[in-house]
Amino acid sequence: MSGAAMTGAGLWGWIALACALAFVTKFLGYSLPQRWLHSPRMTQVAACLTVALLASLTVMNTLAGGTLLVFDARLAALAVAAAALWLRLPFLLVVILGALAAALVRWWF
């Protein structure tokens, strides 16, 4: 849907629908039996979903530039941070190394 085709009323309709869907999803979560939520399988699924959602958010924030894929300093920062995590460096050092990598790539190019 293009920005010109989306009217204010149409946008608010989609926002209201998203809010209603979020409410129903949360309500259904409270309606589930406790034994389902405390099973080992559900714990593992919840842990995997958390990691998958965080990974997808990281990739989107790294490679998205509007509606285009963008390869810039953010990708270098992510690669350096991933390598630092793989080497099991302290998290503060991971953040600093990622920031330095982004700064160097932006300075160089």
Protein backbone atom coordinates (compact mmCIF):
# COMPACT_ATOMS: atom_id res chain seq x y z
CA MET A 1 0.00 0.00 0.00
CA SER A 2 1.46 3.35 -0.96
CA GLY A 3 1.66 6.30 1.41
CA ALA A 4 -0.68 8.35 -0.80
CA ALA A 5 -3.32 5.63 -0.76
CA MET A 6 -3.25 5.35 3.03
CA THR A 7 -5.63 7.88 4.54
CA GLY A 8 -5.66 8.95 8.17
CA ALA A 9 -8.82 6.94 8.88
CA GLY A 10 -7.39 3.87 7.15
CA LEU A 11 -4.19 4.09 9.14
CA TRP A 12 -6.08 4.39 12.43
CA GLY A 13 -8.19 1.40 11.42
CA TRP A 14 -5.06 -0.72 10.99
CA ILE A 15 -3.69 0.54 14.31
CA ALA A 16 -6.98 -0.35 16.06
CA LEU A 17 -6.91 -3.81 14.46
CA ALA A 18 -3.33 -4.36 15.63
CA CYS A 19 -4.28 -3.27 19.16
CA ALA A 20 -7.27 -5.62 19.20
CA LEU A 21 -5.13 -8.50 17.93
CA ALA A 22 -2.53 -7.83 20.63
CA PHE A 23 -5.24 -7.75 23.31
CA VAL A 24 -6.82 -11.01 22.11
CA THR A 25 -3.43 -12.71 21.95
CA LYS A 26 -2.58 -11.63 25.49
CA PHE A 27 -6.03 -12.64 26.75
CA LEU A 28 -5.68 -16.08 25.19
CA GLY A 29 -2.30 -16.43 26.87
CA TYR A 30 -3.93 -15.90 30.26
CA SER A 31 -6.62 -18.45 29.35
CA LEU A 32 -4.17 -21.31 28.82
CA PRO A 33 -3.92 -23.97 31.52
CA GLN A 34 -0.92 -23.57 33.82
CA ARG A 35 0.33 -27.09 33.07
CA TRP A 36 0.83 -26.11 29.41
CA LEU A 37 2.87 -23.06 30.29
CA HIS A 38 5.15 -24.81 32.77
CA SER A 39 6.01 -27.81 30.60
CA PRO A 40 9.64 -28.25 29.55
CA ARG A 41 8.67 -28.10 25.87
CA MET A 42 6.96 -24.71 26.26
CA THR A 43 9.98 -23.36 28.15
CA GLN A 44 12.25 -24.44 25.30
CA VAL A 45 9.93 -22.99 22.64
CA ALA A 46 9.73 -19.67 24.50
CA ALA A 47 13.53 -19.51 24.77
CA CYS A 48 13.96 -20.26 21.05
CA LEU A 49 11.34 -17.69 20.06
CA THR A 50 13.08 -15.03 22.12
CA VAL A 51 16.40 -15.67 20.39
CA ALA A 52 14.77 -15.79 16.94
CA LEU A 53 12.90 -12.52 17.47
CA LEU A 54 16.03 -10.77 18.74
CA ALA A 55 18.05 -12.07 15.79
CA SER A 56 15.45 -10.90 13.27
CA LEU A 57 15.28 -7.48 14.91
CA THR A 58 19.07 -7.20 14.80
CA VAL A 59 19.19 -8.13 11.10
CA MET A 60 16.39 -5.72 10.22
CA ASN A 61 18.06 -2.85 12.06
CA THR A 62 21.40 -3.67 10.46
CA LEU A 63 20.38 -4.13 6.84
CA ALA A 64 17.20 -2.08 6.41
CA GLY A 65 17.28 1.37 4.88
CA GLY A 66 13.64 2.24 4.25
CA THR A 67 12.51 -0.32 1.70
CA LEU A 68 16.03 -1.17 0.50
CA LEU A 69 18.83 -3.40 1.71
CA VAL A 70 21.75 -1.27 2.84
CA PHE A 71 25.30 -2.50 3.33
CA ASP A 72 27.12 0.10 5.38
CA ALA A 73 29.06 0.54 8.62
CA ARG A 74 26.32 -1.17 10.62
CA LEU A 75 27.11 -4.47 8.91
CA ALA A 76 30.80 -4.15 9.79
CA ALA A 77 29.88 -3.33 13.39
CA LEU A 78 27.63 -6.39 13.56
CA ALA A 79 30.35 -8.64 12.12
CA VAL A 80 32.95 -7.37 14.61
CA ALA A 81 30.51 -7.68 17.52
CA ALA A 82 29.58 -11.23 16.44
CA ALA A 83 33.26 -12.19 16.30
CA ALA A 84 33.84 -10.67 19.74
CA LEU A 85 30.88 -12.59 21.14
CA TRP A 86 32.18 -15.77 19.54
CA LEU A 87 35.49 -15.16 21.32
CA ARG A 88 33.48 -14.76 24.55
CA LEU A 89 34.76 -11.27 25.26
CA PRO A 90 32.98 -9.20 27.94
CA PHE A 91 29.79 -7.55 26.70
CA LEU A 92 31.03 -4.00 27.28
CA LEU A 93 34.07 -4.76 25.12
CA VAL A 94 31.76 -6.23 22.44
CA VAL A 95 29.79 -2.97 22.33
CA ILE A 96 32.95 -0.83 22.23
CA LEU A 97 34.51 -2.92 19.45
CA GLY A 98 31.31 -2.76 17.40
CA ALA A 99 31.16 1.02 17.81
CA LEU A 100 34.82 1.37 16.86
CA ALA A 101 34.29 -0.79 13.77
CA ALA A 102 31.36 1.37 12.67
CA ALA A 103 33.34 4.55 13.29
CA LEU A 104 36.34 3.29 11.34
CA VAL A 105 34.25 2.17 8.37
CA ARG A 106 32.41 5.50 8.29
CA TRP A 107 35.70 7.40 8.54
CA TRP A 108 37.39 5.27 5.87
CA PHE A 109 34.55 5.50 3.35
